[in-house]
Amino acid sequence: MYKELITDVFFDLDHTLWDFEKNSALTFTKILEENKIGVKVEDFLTAYIPINHQYWKLFREEKISKEDLRFQRLQTTFKTIDYNATDKEINLLAAEYINHLSSFNHLFPSAIEILEHLKPNYKLHIITNGFQDVQNKKIRNSKIDNYFDVIVDSEMAGVKKPNPYIFELALQKANTTADKSLMIGDSLEADILGAKSVGLHVLHFNAHQEPTHNHCAIINSLDEIKNHL
């Protein structure tokens, strides 16, 4: 579909290549047990996952700071499951979570296979809303750093997807243009609509089983990228 048009492919990282939910669950299992927090991991995660999405949306919209994101998502989760966590415990867990998250590095099925498939024919890049130090560790520790020419994160850009500037900055750094570029990501709002707003071609990796839409082609597994590139 895009083979004759595209020279550069931009990927989102979390929930697209890097299996955030799986790695996050393993991290919380470790730190909740090690710090003797008296909750069931399953109950914690059931509450935490949608709460985390809500707080990341607020963070993308510049409504809360990084520090508020890291503290309040945990505070709200503990309140939701009726566990009386102290501020000291929450701050400790927030720091431990960031310290250990990049030590788990499960990728989505076919991630390496599709990067191997694309690398000979396209320049590959990453645009991520994550924090620079954490994202760089994820990319390096999961051994996918050698596939990418340009990595742009929201701390570097000073704005977050879907802000057009982060896509424009990535195009500039990659020395390419929107009409020759494809963005692949899981977030309809941040990745797909954000990239479309500056003219990139887009492909939605529907990692969260969201409702279908007409904004672009939708794939449900990474190996389906081969049908488009």
C-alpha atoms as a PDB file:
ATOM      1  CA  MET A   1       0.000   0.000   0.000  1.00  0.00           C
ATOM      2  CA  TYR A   2       2.777   2.445   0.935  1.00  0.00           C
ATOM      3  CA  LYS A   3       5.795   0.753  -0.633  1.00  0.00           C
ATOM      4  CA  GLU A   4       6.246   3.253  -3.448  1.00  0.00           C
ATOM      5  CA  LEU A   5       5.568   6.298  -1.249  1.00  0.00           C
ATOM      6  CA  ILE A   6       7.449   5.804   1.993  1.00  0.00           C
ATOM      7  CA  THR A   7      11.132   6.315   2.813  1.00  0.00           C
ATOM      8  CA  ASP A   8      10.834   6.766   6.584  1.00  0.00           C
ATOM      9  CA  VAL A   9       8.799   4.862   9.183  1.00  0.00           C
ATOM     10  CA  PHE A  10       8.173   6.380  12.614  1.00  0.00           C
ATOM     11  CA  PHE A  11       7.111   4.116  15.479  1.00  0.00           C
ATOM     12  CA  ASP A  12       5.599   4.872  18.835  1.00  0.00           C
ATOM     13  CA  LEU A  13       7.375   2.903  21.592  1.00  0.00           C
ATOM     14  CA  ASP A  14       5.087   2.014  24.515  1.00  0.00           C
ATOM     15  CA  HIS A  15       2.101  -0.180  23.611  1.00  0.00           C
ATOM     16  CA  THR A  16       3.414  -0.441  20.025  1.00  0.00           C
ATOM     17  CA  LEU A  17       6.836  -2.107  20.096  1.00  0.00           C
ATOM     18  CA  TRP A  18       7.514  -2.316  23.833  1.00  0.00           C
ATOM     19  CA  ASP A  19       4.843  -4.294  25.720  1.00  0.00           C
ATOM     20  CA  PHE A  20       4.127  -1.695  28.376  1.00  0.00           C
ATOM     21  CA  GLU A  21       1.325  -3.506  30.216  1.00  0.00           C
ATOM     22  CA  LYS A  22       3.291  -6.735  30.572  1.00  0.00           C
ATOM     23  CA  ASN A  23       6.499  -5.034  31.671  1.00  0.00           C
ATOM     24  CA  SER A  24       4.613  -2.706  33.999  1.00  0.00           C
ATOM     25  CA  ALA A  25       2.821  -5.641  35.636  1.00  0.00           C
ATOM     26  CA  LEU A  26       6.117  -7.434  36.232  1.00  0.00           C
ATOM     27  CA  THR A  27       7.574  -4.272  37.737  1.00  0.00           C
ATOM     28  CA  PHE A  28       4.679  -3.772  40.130  1.00  0.00           C
ATOM     29  CA  THR A  29       4.762  -7.434  41.135  1.00  0.00           C
ATOM     30  CA  LYS A  30       8.406  -6.956  42.110  1.00  0.00           C
ATOM     31  CA  ILE A  31       8.164  -3.648  43.954  1.00  0.00           C
ATOM     32  CA  LEU A  32       4.897  -4.327  45.802  1.00  0.00           C
ATOM     33  CA  GLU A  33       6.267  -7.592  47.152  1.00  0.00           C
ATOM     34  CA  GLU A  34       9.731  -6.257  47.982  1.00  0.00           C
ATOM     35  CA  ASN A  35       8.286  -3.272  49.841  1.00  0.00           C
ATOM     36  CA  LYS A  36       5.709  -5.438  51.640  1.00  0.00           C
ATOM     37  CA  ILE A  37       2.687  -3.512  50.430  1.00  0.00           C
ATOM     38  CA  GLY A  38      -0.325  -5.503  51.595  1.00  0.00           C
ATOM     39  CA  VAL A  39      -2.371  -5.635  48.417  1.00  0.00           C
ATOM     40  CA  LYS A  40      -2.991  -8.311  45.820  1.00  0.00           C
ATOM     41  CA  VAL A  41      -1.098  -7.463  42.648  1.00  0.00           C
ATOM     42  CA  GLU A  42      -4.103  -8.456  40.532  1.00  0.00           C
ATOM     43  CA  ASP A  43      -6.410  -6.059  42.412  1.00  0.00           C
ATOM     44  CA  PHE A  44      -3.834  -3.286  42.182  1.00  0.00           C
ATOM     45  CA  LEU A  45      -3.338  -3.692  38.429  1.00  0.00           C
ATOM     46  CA  THR A  46      -7.057  -3.907  37.684  1.00  0.00           C
ATOM     47  CA  ALA A  47      -7.463  -0.477  39.236  1.00  0.00           C
ATOM     48  CA  TYR A  48      -4.144   0.992  38.110  1.00  0.00           C
ATOM     49  CA  ILE A  49      -4.278   0.355  34.352  1.00  0.00           C
ATOM     50  CA  PRO A  50      -7.288   2.591  33.532  1.00  0.00           C
ATOM     51  CA  ILE A  51      -6.200   5.170  36.120  1.00  0.00           C
ATOM     52  CA  ASN A  52      -2.751   5.346  34.538  1.00  0.00           C
ATOM     53  CA  HIS A  53      -4.324   5.958  31.118  1.00  0.00           C
ATOM     54  CA  GLN A  54      -6.420   8.780  32.589  1.00  0.00           C
ATOM     55  CA  TYR A  55      -3.408  10.472  34.185  1.00  0.00           C
ATOM     56  CA  TRP A  56      -1.315  10.111  31.032  1.00  0.00           C
ATOM     57  CA  LYS A  57      -4.102  11.864  29.113  1.00  0.00           C
ATOM     58  CA  LEU A  58      -3.939  14.729  31.616  1.00  0.00           C
ATOM     59  CA  PHE A  59      -0.158  14.786  31.257  1.00  0.00           C
ATOM     60  CA  ARG A  60      -0.380  14.897  27.440  1.00  0.00           C
ATOM     61  CA  GLU A  61      -2.775  17.808  27.761  1.00  0.00           C
ATOM     62  CA  GLU A  62      -0.281  19.684  29.995  1.00  0.00           C
ATOM     63  CA  LYS A  63      -2.755  19.617  32.898  1.00  0.00           C
ATOM     64  CA  ILE A  64      -0.412  17.889  35.368  1.00  0.00           C
ATOM     65  CA  SER A  65       3.349  17.715  35.846  1.00  0.00           C
ATOM     66  CA  LYS A  66       5.583  14.649  35.593  1.00  0.00           C
ATOM     67  CA  GLU A  67       5.819  14.567  39.382  1.00  0.00           C
ATOM     68  CA  ASP A  68       2.027  14.761  39.747  1.00  0.00           C
ATOM     69  CA  LEU A  69       1.598  11.980  37.204  1.00  0.00           C
ATOM     70  CA  ARG A  70       3.941   9.645  39.047  1.00  0.00           C
ATOM     71  CA  PHE A  71       2.467  10.338  42.496  1.00  0.00           C
ATOM     72  CA  GLN A  72      -1.226  10.786  41.810  1.00  0.00           C
ATOM     73  CA  ARG A  73      -1.733   7.690  39.655  1.00  0.00           C
ATOM     74  CA  LEU A  74      -0.520   5.577  42.577  1.00  0.00           C
ATOM     75  CA  GLN A  75      -2.390   7.572  45.215  1.00  0.00           C
ATOM     76  CA  THR A  76      -5.644   7.240  43.251  1.00  0.00           C
ATOM     77  CA  THR A  77      -5.097   3.512  42.709  1.00  0.00           C
ATOM     78  CA  PHE A  78      -4.585   2.831  46.411  1.00  0.00           C
ATOM     79  CA  LYS A  79      -7.704   4.863  47.275  1.00  0.00           C
ATOM     80  CA  THR A  80      -9.677   2.892  44.687  1.00  0.00           C
ATOM     81  CA  ILE A  81      -8.729  -0.445  46.272  1.00  0.00           C
ATOM     82  CA  ASP A  82      -9.144   0.916  49.830  1.00  0.00           C
ATOM     83  CA  TYR A  83      -5.519   0.585  50.850  1.00  0.00           C
ATOM     84  CA  ASN A  84      -4.242   3.299  53.168  1.00  0.00           C
ATOM     85  CA  ALA A  85      -0.836   3.984  51.638  1.00  0.00           C
ATOM     86  CA  THR A  86       1.252   6.747  53.197  1.00  0.00           C
ATOM     87  CA  ASP A  87       2.815   9.511  51.118  1.00  0.00           C
ATOM     88  CA  LYS A  88       6.213   8.031  52.013  1.00  0.00           C
ATOM     89  CA  GLU A  89       5.182   4.641  50.601  1.00  0.00           C
ATOM     90  CA  ILE A  90       3.763   6.214  47.449  1.00  0.00           C
ATOM     91  CA  ASN A  91       6.896   8.280  46.814  1.00  0.00           C
ATOM     92  CA  LEU A  92       9.069   5.220  47.377  1.00  0.00           C
ATOM     93  CA  LEU A  93       6.995   3.098  44.973  1.00  0.00           C
ATOM     94  CA  ALA A  94       6.950   5.869  42.367  1.00  0.00           C
ATOM     95  CA  ALA A  95      10.752   5.981  42.405  1.00  0.00           C
ATOM     96  CA  GLU A  96      11.125   2.195  42.504  1.00  0.00           C
ATOM     97  CA  TYR A  97       8.765   1.808  39.574  1.00  0.00           C
ATOM     98  CA  ILE A  98      10.852   4.100  37.368  1.00  0.00           C
ATOM     99  CA  ASN A  99      14.084   2.468  38.532  1.00  0.00           C
ATOM    100  CA  HIS A 100      12.959  -1.056  37.696  1.00  0.00           C
ATOM    101  CA  LEU A 101      10.564  -0.610  34.745  1.00  0.00           C
ATOM    102  CA  SER A 102      13.244  -0.768  32.053  1.00  0.00           C
ATOM    103  CA  SER A 103      14.721  -3.957  33.535  1.00  0.00           C
ATOM    104  CA  PHE A 104      11.786  -5.882  32.024  1.00  0.00           C
ATOM    105  CA  ASN A 105      11.906  -5.786  28.269  1.00  0.00           C
ATOM    106  CA  HIS A 106       9.186  -7.840  26.664  1.00  0.00           C
ATOM    107  CA  LEU A 107       8.358  -6.662  23.155  1.00  0.00           C
ATOM    108  CA  PHE A 108       5.116  -7.280  21.294  1.00  0.00           C
ATOM    109  CA  PRO A 109       5.047 -10.469  19.193  1.00  0.00           C
ATOM    110  CA  SER A 110       6.770 -10.005  15.814  1.00  0.00           C
ATOM    111  CA  ALA A 111       8.428  -6.715  16.857  1.00  0.00           C
ATOM    112  CA  ILE A 112      11.958  -7.845  15.994  1.00  0.00           C
ATOM    113  CA  GLU A 113      10.718  -9.688  12.904  1.00  0.00           C
ATOM    114  CA  ILE A 114       9.032  -6.581  11.519  1.00  0.00           C
ATOM    115  CA  LEU A 115      12.003  -4.334  12.290  1.00  0.00           C
ATOM    116  CA  GLU A 116      14.245  -6.811  10.446  1.00  0.00           C
ATOM    117  CA  HIS A 117      11.788  -6.781   7.554  1.00  0.00           C
ATOM    118  CA  LEU A 118      11.704  -2.982   7.320  1.00  0.00           C
ATOM    119  CA  LYS A 119      15.296  -2.019   8.082  1.00  0.00           C
ATOM    120  CA  PRO A 120      16.820  -2.856   4.647  1.00  0.00           C
ATOM    121  CA  ASN A 121      14.309  -0.676   2.783  1.00  0.00           C
ATOM    122  CA  TYR A 122      13.329   2.171   5.107  1.00  0.00           C
ATOM    123  CA  LYS A 123      14.858   4.523   7.636  1.00  0.00           C
ATOM    124  CA  LEU A 124      13.288   3.752  11.014  1.00  0.00           C
ATOM    125  CA  HIS A 125      12.663   6.213  13.848  1.00  0.00           C
ATOM    126  CA  ILE A 126      10.800   6.542  17.160  1.00  0.00           C
ATOM    127  CA  ILE A 127       8.523   9.314  18.443  1.00  0.00           C
ATOM    128  CA  THR A 128       7.556   8.753  22.080  1.00  0.00           C
ATOM    129  CA  ASN A 129       5.786  10.662  24.827  1.00  0.00           C
ATOM    130  CA  GLY A 130       7.779   8.894  27.497  1.00  0.00           C
ATOM    131  CA  PHE A 131      10.514  10.338  29.683  1.00  0.00           C
ATOM    132  CA  GLN A 132      13.914  10.484  28.026  1.00  0.00           C
ATOM    133  CA  ASP A 133      15.987   8.546  30.558  1.00  0.00           C
ATOM    134  CA  VAL A 134      13.417   5.763  30.912  1.00  0.00           C
ATOM    135  CA  GLN A 135      12.686   5.456  27.188  1.00  0.00           C
ATOM    136  CA  ASN A 136      16.363   5.310  26.262  1.00  0.00           C
ATOM    137  CA  LYS A 137      16.875   2.483  28.768  1.00  0.00           C
ATOM    138  CA  LYS A 138      13.883   0.583  27.381  1.00  0.00           C
ATOM    139  CA  ILE A 139      15.185   0.878  23.823  1.00  0.00           C
ATOM    140  CA  ARG A 140      18.729  -0.060  24.773  1.00  0.00           C
ATOM    141  CA  ASN A 141      17.873  -2.894  27.187  1.00  0.00           C
ATOM    142  CA  SER A 142      15.406  -4.500  24.780  1.00  0.00           C
ATOM    143  CA  LYS A 143      18.177  -4.458  22.151  1.00  0.00           C
ATOM    144  CA  ILE A 144      16.297  -2.555  19.472  1.00  0.00           C
ATOM    145  CA  ASP A 145      18.415   0.625  19.524  1.00  0.00           C
ATOM    146  CA  ASN A 146      20.416  -0.414  16.460  1.00  0.00           C
ATOM    147  CA  TYR A 147      17.305  -0.332  14.262  1.00  0.00           C
ATOM    148  CA  PHE A 148      16.575   3.374  14.705  1.00  0.00           C
ATOM    149  CA  ASP A 149      18.209   6.447  13.204  1.00  0.00           C
ATOM    150  CA  VAL A 150      16.300   9.157  15.078  1.00  0.00           C
ATOM    151  CA  ILE A 151      14.602   8.961  18.485  1.00  0.00           C
ATOM    152  CA  VAL A 152      12.505  11.939  19.549  1.00  0.00           C
ATOM    153  CA  ASP A 153      10.853  12.075  22.979  1.00  0.00           C
ATOM    154  CA  SER A 154       8.506  14.612  24.511  1.00  0.00           C
ATOM    155  CA  GLU A 155      11.112  15.917  26.959  1.00  0.00           C
ATOM    156  CA  MET A 156      13.438  16.696  24.058  1.00  0.00           C
ATOM    157  CA  ALA A 157      10.654  18.348  22.070  1.00  0.00           C
ATOM    158  CA  GLY A 158       9.157  20.236  24.981  1.00  0.00           C
ATOM    159  CA  VAL A 159       5.674  19.117  23.888  1.00  0.00           C
ATOM    160  CA  LYS A 160       3.840  15.818  23.727  1.00  0.00           C
ATOM    161  CA  LYS A 161       1.996  14.013  20.965  1.00  0.00           C
ATOM    162  CA  PRO A 162      -0.491  14.959  19.489  1.00  0.00           C
ATOM    163  CA  ASN A 163       1.127  18.421  19.435  1.00  0.00           C
ATOM    164  CA  PRO A 164       2.220  18.967  15.814  1.00  0.00           C
ATOM    165  CA  TYR A 165       5.647  20.267  16.833  1.00  0.00           C
ATOM    166  CA  ILE A 166       6.951  16.899  18.044  1.00  0.00           C
ATOM    167  CA  PHE A 167       6.185  15.366  14.627  1.00  0.00           C
ATOM    168  CA  GLU A 168       7.691  18.336  12.816  1.00  0.00           C
ATOM    169  CA  LEU A 169      10.841  18.064  14.940  1.00  0.00           C
ATOM    170  CA  ALA A 170      11.127  14.346  14.184  1.00  0.00           C
ATOM    171  CA  LEU A 171      10.766  14.970  10.449  1.00  0.00           C
ATOM    172  CA  GLN A 172      13.425  17.659  10.630  1.00  0.00           C
ATOM    173  CA  LYS A 173      15.859  15.444  12.545  1.00  0.00           C
ATOM    174  CA  ALA A 174      15.217  12.562  10.141  1.00  0.00           C
ATOM    175  CA  ASN A 175      15.777  14.908   7.174  1.00  0.00           C
ATOM    176  CA  THR A 176      12.564  13.807   5.510  1.00  0.00           C
ATOM    177  CA  THR A 177       9.089  15.086   4.687  1.00  0.00           C
ATOM    178  CA  ALA A 178       5.625  14.146   5.870  1.00  0.00           C
ATOM    179  CA  ASP A 179       4.470  12.885   2.454  1.00  0.00           C
ATOM    180  CA  LYS A 180       7.268  10.295   2.476  1.00  0.00           C
ATOM    181  CA  SER A 181       6.728   9.236   6.082  1.00  0.00           C
ATOM    182  CA  LEU A 182       4.500   6.762   7.907  1.00  0.00           C
ATOM    183  CA  MET A 183       3.610   6.851  11.617  1.00  0.00           C
ATOM    184  CA  ILE A 184       2.681   3.590  13.337  1.00  0.00           C
ATOM    185  CA  GLY A 185       1.243   3.771  16.846  1.00  0.00           C
ATOM    186  CA  ASP A 186      -1.404   2.526  19.247  1.00  0.00           C
ATOM    187  CA  SER A 187      -3.027   5.805  20.309  1.00  0.00           C
ATOM    188  CA  LEU A 188      -5.687   7.157  17.988  1.00  0.00           C
ATOM    189  CA  GLU A 189      -5.469  10.579  19.611  1.00  0.00           C
ATOM    190  CA  ALA A 190      -1.726  10.951  20.135  1.00  0.00           C
ATOM    191  CA  ASP A 191      -0.206   8.948  17.277  1.00  0.00           C
ATOM    192  CA  ILE A 192      -2.744   8.766  14.482  1.00  0.00           C
ATOM    193  CA  LEU A 193      -4.594  12.074  14.626  1.00  0.00           C
ATOM    194  CA  GLY A 194      -1.467  13.879  15.749  1.00  0.00           C
ATOM    195  CA  ALA A 195       0.608  12.595  12.831  1.00  0.00           C
ATOM    196  CA  LYS A 196      -2.220  13.139  10.332  1.00  0.00           C
ATOM    197  CA  SER A 197      -2.436  16.772  11.392  1.00  0.00           C
ATOM    198  CA  VAL A 198       1.008  17.417   9.897  1.00  0.00           C
ATOM    199  CA  GLY A 199       0.473  15.266   6.811  1.00  0.00           C
ATOM    200  CA  LEU A 200       2.106  11.958   7.695  1.00  0.00           C
ATOM    201  CA  HIS A 201       0.642   8.711   6.448  1.00  0.00           C
ATOM    202  CA  VAL A 202      -0.624   6.681   9.417  1.00  0.00           C
ATOM    203  CA  LEU A 203      -1.239   3.074  10.413  1.00  0.00           C
ATOM    204  CA  HIS A 204      -3.094   2.312  13.648  1.00  0.00           C
ATOM    205  CA  PHE A 205      -1.839  -0.634  15.705  1.00  0.00           C
ATOM    206  CA  ASN A 206      -4.992  -1.407  17.667  1.00  0.00           C
ATOM    207  CA  ALA A 207      -3.318  -2.787  20.770  1.00  0.00           C
ATOM    208  CA  HIS A 208      -6.270  -1.959  23.035  1.00  0.00           C
ATOM    209  CA  GLN A 209      -9.135  -3.401  20.967  1.00  0.00           C
ATOM    210  CA  GLU A 210     -10.635   0.048  20.454  1.00  0.00           C
ATOM    211  CA  PRO A 211     -13.661   0.581  18.182  1.00  0.00           C
ATOM    212  CA  THR A 212     -12.944   0.632  14.461  1.00  0.00           C
ATOM    213  CA  HIS A 213     -12.767   3.983  12.686  1.00  0.00           C
ATOM    214  CA  ASN A 214     -12.203   5.486   9.247  1.00  0.00           C
ATOM    215  CA  HIS A 215      -9.137   7.610   9.955  1.00  0.00           C
ATOM    216  CA  CYS A 216      -6.706   5.077   8.470  1.00  0.00           C
ATOM    217  CA  ALA A 217      -5.962   1.387   8.051  1.00  0.00           C
ATOM    218  CA  ILE A 218      -5.991  -0.617  11.288  1.00  0.00           C
ATOM    219  CA  ILE A 219      -3.788  -3.593  12.182  1.00  0.00           C
ATOM    220  CA  ASN A 220      -4.170  -5.923  15.168  1.00  0.00           C
ATOM    221  CA  SER A 221      -0.692  -7.449  15.112  1.00  0.00           C
ATOM    222  CA  LEU A 222       2.688  -6.089  14.086  1.00  0.00           C
ATOM    223  CA  ASP A 223       3.255  -8.725  11.427  1.00  0.00           C
ATOM    224  CA  GLU A 224       0.349  -7.178   9.473  1.00  0.00           C
ATOM    225  CA  ILE A 225       2.684  -4.257   8.698  1.00  0.00           C
ATOM    226  CA  LYS A 226       4.065  -6.503   5.941  1.00  0.00           C
ATOM    227  CA  ASN A 227       0.751  -6.073   4.125  1.00  0.00           C
ATOM    228  CA  HIS A 228       1.434  -2.342   3.888  1.00  0.00           C
ATOM    229  CA  LEU A 229       5.215  -2.054   3.520  1.00  0.00           C
END
